[in-house]
Amino acid sequence: MADDINHQGGCQCGAVRFEVSGAPKFVSNCHCHSCRKATGAAFSTWVGFKDDNVRWLTREPSFHASSEDVRRGFCAACGTPLTYAGDQWAGETHFLIGVFEDPTGLTPRSEVFTEDALPWALSRKEN
């Protein structure tokens, strides 16, 4: 992806909107228990950007400290989960792929915390 690409997105009700610029640092499927609880999904696809490449177009999300040194952003109006930020990845904001207006060019390249994955949730090669 080129560095001059911009992506926009936001919550379901539109109260929280953002724009990110440049290529993402990563696009990855996370299978950890914490992400499953936070999103209600079998796994979460995250798109990571440097904080310097994130611009909030409306208000910023509200935050919940889901564990020590981790903040998860969400819309206080409609409840849409939006972001992840943690001390382990300081200076980065990770967005759930579903909150982008057009996520078609954002393809996951890795699977993380696979030890926590539901048995059927990992990609399997055809025999």
Protein backbone atom coordinates (compact mmCIF):
# COMPACT_ATOMS: atom_id res chain seq x y z
CA MET A 1 0.00 0.00 0.00
CA ALA A 2 1.38 3.46 -0.86
CA ASP A 3 2.29 5.92 1.88
CA ASP A 4 -0.09 8.57 0.52
CA ILE A 5 -3.22 6.47 1.00
CA ASN A 6 -5.84 7.74 3.42
CA HIS A 7 -8.60 5.69 5.00
CA GLN A 8 -11.61 6.98 6.87
CA GLY A 9 -13.98 5.26 9.22
CA GLY A 10 -15.97 5.53 12.38
CA CYS A 11 -18.61 4.08 14.61
CA GLN A 12 -22.07 2.90 13.62
CA CYS A 13 -23.86 6.13 14.59
CA GLY A 14 -21.21 8.50 13.20
CA ALA A 15 -20.43 10.28 16.47
CA VAL A 16 -16.78 9.13 16.33
CA ARG A 17 -15.02 9.53 12.97
CA PHE A 18 -11.35 9.21 12.07
CA GLU A 19 -8.90 9.36 9.21
CA VAL A 20 -5.58 7.53 8.97
CA SER A 21 -2.82 8.25 6.48
CA GLY A 22 -0.05 6.16 5.05
CA ALA A 23 0.41 2.43 4.95
CA PRO A 24 -0.56 0.46 8.05
CA LYS A 25 2.18 -1.03 10.20
CA PHE A 26 0.31 -4.34 10.07
CA VAL A 27 -3.03 -6.03 9.41
CA SER A 28 -3.48 -9.10 11.59
CA ASN A 29 -6.10 -11.47 12.97
CA CYS A 30 -5.94 -11.67 16.77
CA HIS A 31 -7.31 -14.77 18.48
CA CYS A 32 -6.75 -13.76 22.12
CA HIS A 33 -9.46 -14.24 24.72
CA SER A 34 -9.51 -10.52 25.54
CA CYS A 35 -10.28 -9.52 21.93
CA ARG A 36 -13.02 -12.14 21.71
CA LYS A 37 -14.67 -10.68 24.83
CA ALA A 38 -14.24 -7.07 23.68
CA THR A 39 -15.76 -7.63 20.23
CA GLY A 40 -18.05 -10.63 20.63
CA ALA A 41 -16.35 -12.25 17.64
CA ALA A 42 -14.34 -15.46 17.25
CA PHE A 43 -11.29 -13.32 16.39
CA SER A 44 -10.58 -9.68 15.62
CA THR A 45 -8.83 -8.21 12.62
CA TRP A 46 -6.69 -5.23 13.64
CA VAL A 47 -5.07 -2.58 11.46
CA GLY A 48 -2.22 -0.77 13.19
CA PHE A 49 -1.07 2.81 12.53
CA LYS A 50 1.42 5.14 14.16
CA ASP A 51 -0.39 7.68 16.35
CA ASP A 52 1.07 10.47 14.19
CA ASN A 53 -0.94 9.10 11.25
CA VAL A 54 -4.29 9.16 13.09
CA ARG A 55 -6.61 12.17 13.00
CA TRP A 56 -9.96 12.30 14.79
CA LEU A 57 -12.52 14.09 12.59
CA THR A 58 -15.19 14.39 15.27
CA ARG A 59 -14.83 13.57 18.93
CA GLU A 60 -12.37 10.97 20.14
CA PRO A 61 -13.67 7.64 21.42
CA SER A 62 -14.31 6.88 25.05
CA PHE A 63 -11.90 4.41 26.63
CA HIS A 64 -12.06 1.34 28.82
CA ALA A 65 -8.99 -0.11 30.57
CA SER A 66 -9.59 -3.74 29.61
CA SER A 67 -6.41 -4.91 31.34
CA GLU A 68 -3.29 -3.42 32.85
CA ASP A 69 -1.65 -1.04 30.34
CA VAL A 70 -4.38 -1.57 27.70
CA ARG A 71 -7.07 0.90 26.61
CA ARG A 72 -9.86 -0.05 24.24
CA GLY A 73 -11.69 2.77 22.47
CA PHE A 74 -15.40 2.71 21.78
CA CYS A 75 -18.24 5.07 20.91
CA ALA A 76 -20.07 6.10 24.07
CA ALA A 77 -23.21 6.85 22.04
CA CYS A 78 -23.69 3.56 20.14
CA GLY A 79 -21.18 1.19 21.76
CA THR A 80 -19.19 0.35 18.62
CA PRO A 81 -15.74 -1.01 19.56
CA LEU A 82 -13.10 0.94 17.61
CA THR A 83 -9.51 0.86 18.87
CA TYR A 84 -6.84 -0.83 20.92
CA ALA A 85 -3.82 0.89 22.46
CA GLY A 86 -1.36 -0.72 24.83
CA ASP A 87 1.99 0.06 26.42
CA GLN A 88 3.47 -2.93 24.58
CA TRP A 89 2.85 -1.05 21.30
CA ALA A 90 3.36 2.52 22.53
CA GLY A 91 2.80 5.19 19.90
CA GLU A 92 0.35 3.08 17.91
CA THR A 93 -3.41 2.94 17.53
CA HIS A 94 -4.95 -0.30 16.30
CA PHE A 95 -8.36 -0.11 14.61
CA LEU A 96 -10.81 -2.95 14.10
CA ILE A 97 -11.06 -3.55 10.36
CA GLY A 98 -14.85 -3.34 10.37
CA VAL A 99 -14.85 0.36 11.32
CA PHE A 100 -13.20 1.45 8.05
CA GLU A 101 -15.47 2.79 5.30
CA ASP A 102 -13.65 0.68 2.69
CA PRO A 103 -11.45 -2.05 4.18
CA THR A 104 -11.08 -4.01 0.91
CA GLY A 105 -7.37 -3.15 0.50
CA LEU A 106 -6.53 -4.05 4.09
CA THR A 107 -5.64 -7.74 3.93
CA PRO A 108 -4.53 -9.65 7.05
CA ARG A 109 -0.98 -10.98 6.71
CA SER A 110 -0.66 -12.78 10.04
CA GLU A 111 -2.47 -14.59 12.85
CA VAL A 112 -1.50 -13.77 16.44
CA PHE A 113 -2.23 -15.43 19.79
CA THR A 114 -3.14 -18.59 17.92
CA GLU A 115 -2.72 -20.58 21.13
CA ASP A 116 -6.03 -19.00 22.25
CA ALA A 117 -7.82 -19.61 18.94
CA LEU A 118 -11.05 -21.51 18.71
CA PRO A 119 -10.22 -24.78 16.94
CA TRP A 120 -12.26 -23.93 13.83
CA ALA A 121 -11.14 -20.29 13.56
CA LEU A 122 -7.70 -20.74 12.01
CA SER A 123 -7.21 -20.97 8.26
CA ARG A 124 -6.66 -24.52 7.12
CA LYS A 125 -4.91 -25.65 3.96
CA GLU A 126 -6.91 -27.87 1.64
CA ASN A 127 -5.52 -31.42 1.21
